């Protein structure tokens, strides 16, 4: 997995273009102390997504281990506010 991850970087411009074009409601929850995917990598999403709910949590890479209940609650609220019947 680590050897293949580098190939994703070349795809970022395509993903960013899709974000800008489609503007899908997005919930982003990121560990501000994540050493694998540092918080600096979370902020560029704000540039491309207009309908973004953005949260940096005081945790590392395994946010669900420490903030599972909070993340689940925010997911349910987000889905409730963004679901289309």
C-alpha atoms as a PDB file:
ATOM      1  CA  UNK A   1       0.000   0.000   0.000  1.00  0.00           C
ATOM      2  CA  UNK A   2       2.742   2.492   0.895  1.00  0.00           C
ATOM      3  CA  UNK A   3       4.564   1.818  -2.365  1.00  0.00           C
ATOM      4  CA  UNK A   4       1.400   2.430  -4.408  1.00  0.00           C
ATOM      5  CA  UNK A   5       0.239   5.535  -2.539  1.00  0.00           C
ATOM      6  CA  UNK A   6       2.603   7.802  -4.457  1.00  0.00           C
ATOM      7  CA  UNK A   7       0.663   7.138  -7.654  1.00  0.00           C
ATOM      8  CA  UNK A   8      -2.366   8.898  -6.122  1.00  0.00           C
ATOM      9  CA  UNK A   9      -0.641  12.282  -6.117  1.00  0.00           C
ATOM     10  CA  UNK A  10      -0.805  12.515  -9.909  1.00  0.00           C
ATOM     11  CA  UNK A  11      -4.590  12.068  -9.655  1.00  0.00           C
ATOM     12  CA  UNK A  12      -5.150  15.010  -7.279  1.00  0.00           C
ATOM     13  CA  UNK A  13      -5.777  17.614 -10.021  1.00  0.00           C
ATOM     14  CA  UNK A  14      -8.520  15.396 -11.499  1.00  0.00           C
ATOM     15  CA  UNK A  15     -10.201  14.976  -8.118  1.00  0.00           C
ATOM     16  CA  UNK A  16      -9.939  18.689  -7.375  1.00  0.00           C
ATOM     17  CA  UNK A  17     -11.540  19.515 -10.744  1.00  0.00           C
ATOM     18  CA  UNK A  18     -14.405  17.126  -9.960  1.00  0.00           C
ATOM     19  CA  UNK A  19     -14.904  18.770  -6.568  1.00  0.00           C
ATOM     20  CA  UNK A  20     -15.045  22.233  -8.154  1.00  0.00           C
ATOM     21  CA  UNK A  21     -17.435  21.069 -10.883  1.00  0.00           C
ATOM     22  CA  UNK A  22     -19.915  19.043  -8.812  1.00  0.00           C
ATOM     23  CA  UNK A  23     -19.853  20.753  -5.383  1.00  0.00           C
ATOM     24  CA  UNK A  24     -21.184  17.744  -3.510  1.00  0.00           C
ATOM     25  CA  UNK A  25     -21.946  18.451   0.169  1.00  0.00           C
ATOM     26  CA  UNK A  26     -18.913  17.177   2.053  1.00  0.00           C
ATOM     27  CA  UNK A  27     -18.152  16.432   5.691  1.00  0.00           C
ATOM     28  CA  UNK A  28     -14.430  16.439   6.411  1.00  0.00           C
ATOM     29  CA  UNK A  29     -13.174  15.329   9.810  1.00  0.00           C
ATOM     30  CA  UNK A  30      -9.406  15.170  10.191  1.00  0.00           C
ATOM     31  CA  UNK A  31      -6.978  14.531  13.014  1.00  0.00           C
ATOM     32  CA  UNK A  32      -4.957  17.697  13.530  1.00  0.00           C
ATOM     33  CA  UNK A  33      -2.091  15.582  14.919  1.00  0.00           C
ATOM     34  CA  UNK A  34      -2.161  12.963  12.151  1.00  0.00           C
ATOM     35  CA  UNK A  35       1.435  12.094  11.260  1.00  0.00           C
ATOM     36  CA  UNK A  36       0.457   9.957   8.262  1.00  0.00           C
ATOM     37  CA  UNK A  37      -1.836  12.540   6.619  1.00  0.00           C
ATOM     38  CA  UNK A  38      -0.889  15.862   8.257  1.00  0.00           C
ATOM     39  CA  UNK A  39      -3.565  18.501   8.795  1.00  0.00           C
ATOM     40  CA  UNK A  40      -1.978  20.674   6.105  1.00  0.00           C
ATOM     41  CA  UNK A  41      -3.484  18.196   3.635  1.00  0.00           C
ATOM     42  CA  UNK A  42      -7.000  18.901   4.873  1.00  0.00           C
ATOM     43  CA  UNK A  43      -7.064  22.640   4.251  1.00  0.00           C
ATOM     44  CA  UNK A  44      -6.908  22.587   0.413  1.00  0.00           C
ATOM     45  CA  UNK A  45     -10.378  21.012   0.340  1.00  0.00           C
ATOM     46  CA  UNK A  46     -11.694  24.389   1.520  1.00  0.00           C
ATOM     47  CA  UNK A  47     -10.404  25.907  -1.699  1.00  0.00           C
ATOM     48  CA  UNK A  48     -12.406  23.587  -3.959  1.00  0.00           C
ATOM     49  CA  UNK A  49     -15.568  22.770  -2.005  1.00  0.00           C
ATOM     50  CA  UNK A  50     -18.163  25.462  -1.326  1.00  0.00           C
ATOM     51  CA  UNK A  51     -20.488  23.202   0.665  1.00  0.00           C
ATOM     52  CA  UNK A  52     -17.897  21.846   3.100  1.00  0.00           C
ATOM     53  CA  UNK A  53     -18.326  21.160   6.789  1.00  0.00           C
ATOM     54  CA  UNK A  54     -14.741  21.105   8.075  1.00  0.00           C
ATOM     55  CA  UNK A  55     -13.518  19.817  11.451  1.00  0.00           C
ATOM     56  CA  UNK A  56     -10.000  19.322  12.784  1.00  0.00           C
ATOM     57  CA  UNK A  57     -10.098  17.050  15.820  1.00  0.00           C
ATOM     58  CA  UNK A  58      -7.502  16.948  18.585  1.00  0.00           C
ATOM     59  CA  UNK A  59      -6.335  13.477  17.625  1.00  0.00           C
ATOM     60  CA  UNK A  60      -3.981  11.608  15.330  1.00  0.00           C
ATOM     61  CA  UNK A  61      -4.535   9.203  12.446  1.00  0.00           C
ATOM     62  CA  UNK A  62      -7.016   6.951  14.234  1.00  0.00           C
ATOM     63  CA  UNK A  63      -9.672   9.572  14.966  1.00  0.00           C
ATOM     64  CA  UNK A  64     -12.457   7.008  15.216  1.00  0.00           C
ATOM     65  CA  UNK A  65     -10.711   5.335  18.140  1.00  0.00           C
ATOM     66  CA  UNK A  66     -10.867   8.517  20.219  1.00  0.00           C
ATOM     67  CA  UNK A  67     -13.778  10.440  18.715  1.00  0.00           C
ATOM     68  CA  UNK A  68     -16.034   7.706  17.329  1.00  0.00           C
ATOM     69  CA  UNK A  69     -19.177   8.932  19.062  1.00  0.00           C
ATOM     70  CA  UNK A  70     -18.602  12.562  18.065  1.00  0.00           C
ATOM     71  CA  UNK A  71     -17.793  11.624  14.460  1.00  0.00           C
ATOM     72  CA  UNK A  72     -20.867   9.380  14.224  1.00  0.00           C
ATOM     73  CA  UNK A  73     -23.068  12.143  15.643  1.00  0.00           C
ATOM     74  CA  UNK A  74     -21.707  14.709  13.196  1.00  0.00           C
ATOM     75  CA  UNK A  75     -22.194  12.253  10.329  1.00  0.00           C
ATOM     76  CA  UNK A  76     -25.843  11.702  11.249  1.00  0.00           C
ATOM     77  CA  UNK A  77     -26.472  15.445  11.572  1.00  0.00           C
ATOM     78  CA  UNK A  78     -24.693  16.120   8.281  1.00  0.00           C
ATOM     79  CA  UNK A  79     -26.713  13.446   6.493  1.00  0.00           C
ATOM     80  CA  UNK A  80     -29.926  14.745   8.007  1.00  0.00           C
ATOM     81  CA  UNK A  81     -29.188  18.290   6.789  1.00  0.00           C
ATOM     82  CA  UNK A  82     -28.020  17.192   3.340  1.00  0.00           C
ATOM     83  CA  UNK A  83     -30.375  14.373   2.420  1.00  0.00           C
ATOM     84  CA  UNK A  84     -32.823  14.962  -0.374  1.00  0.00           C
ATOM     85  CA  UNK A  85     -36.139  13.147  -0.065  1.00  0.00           C
END
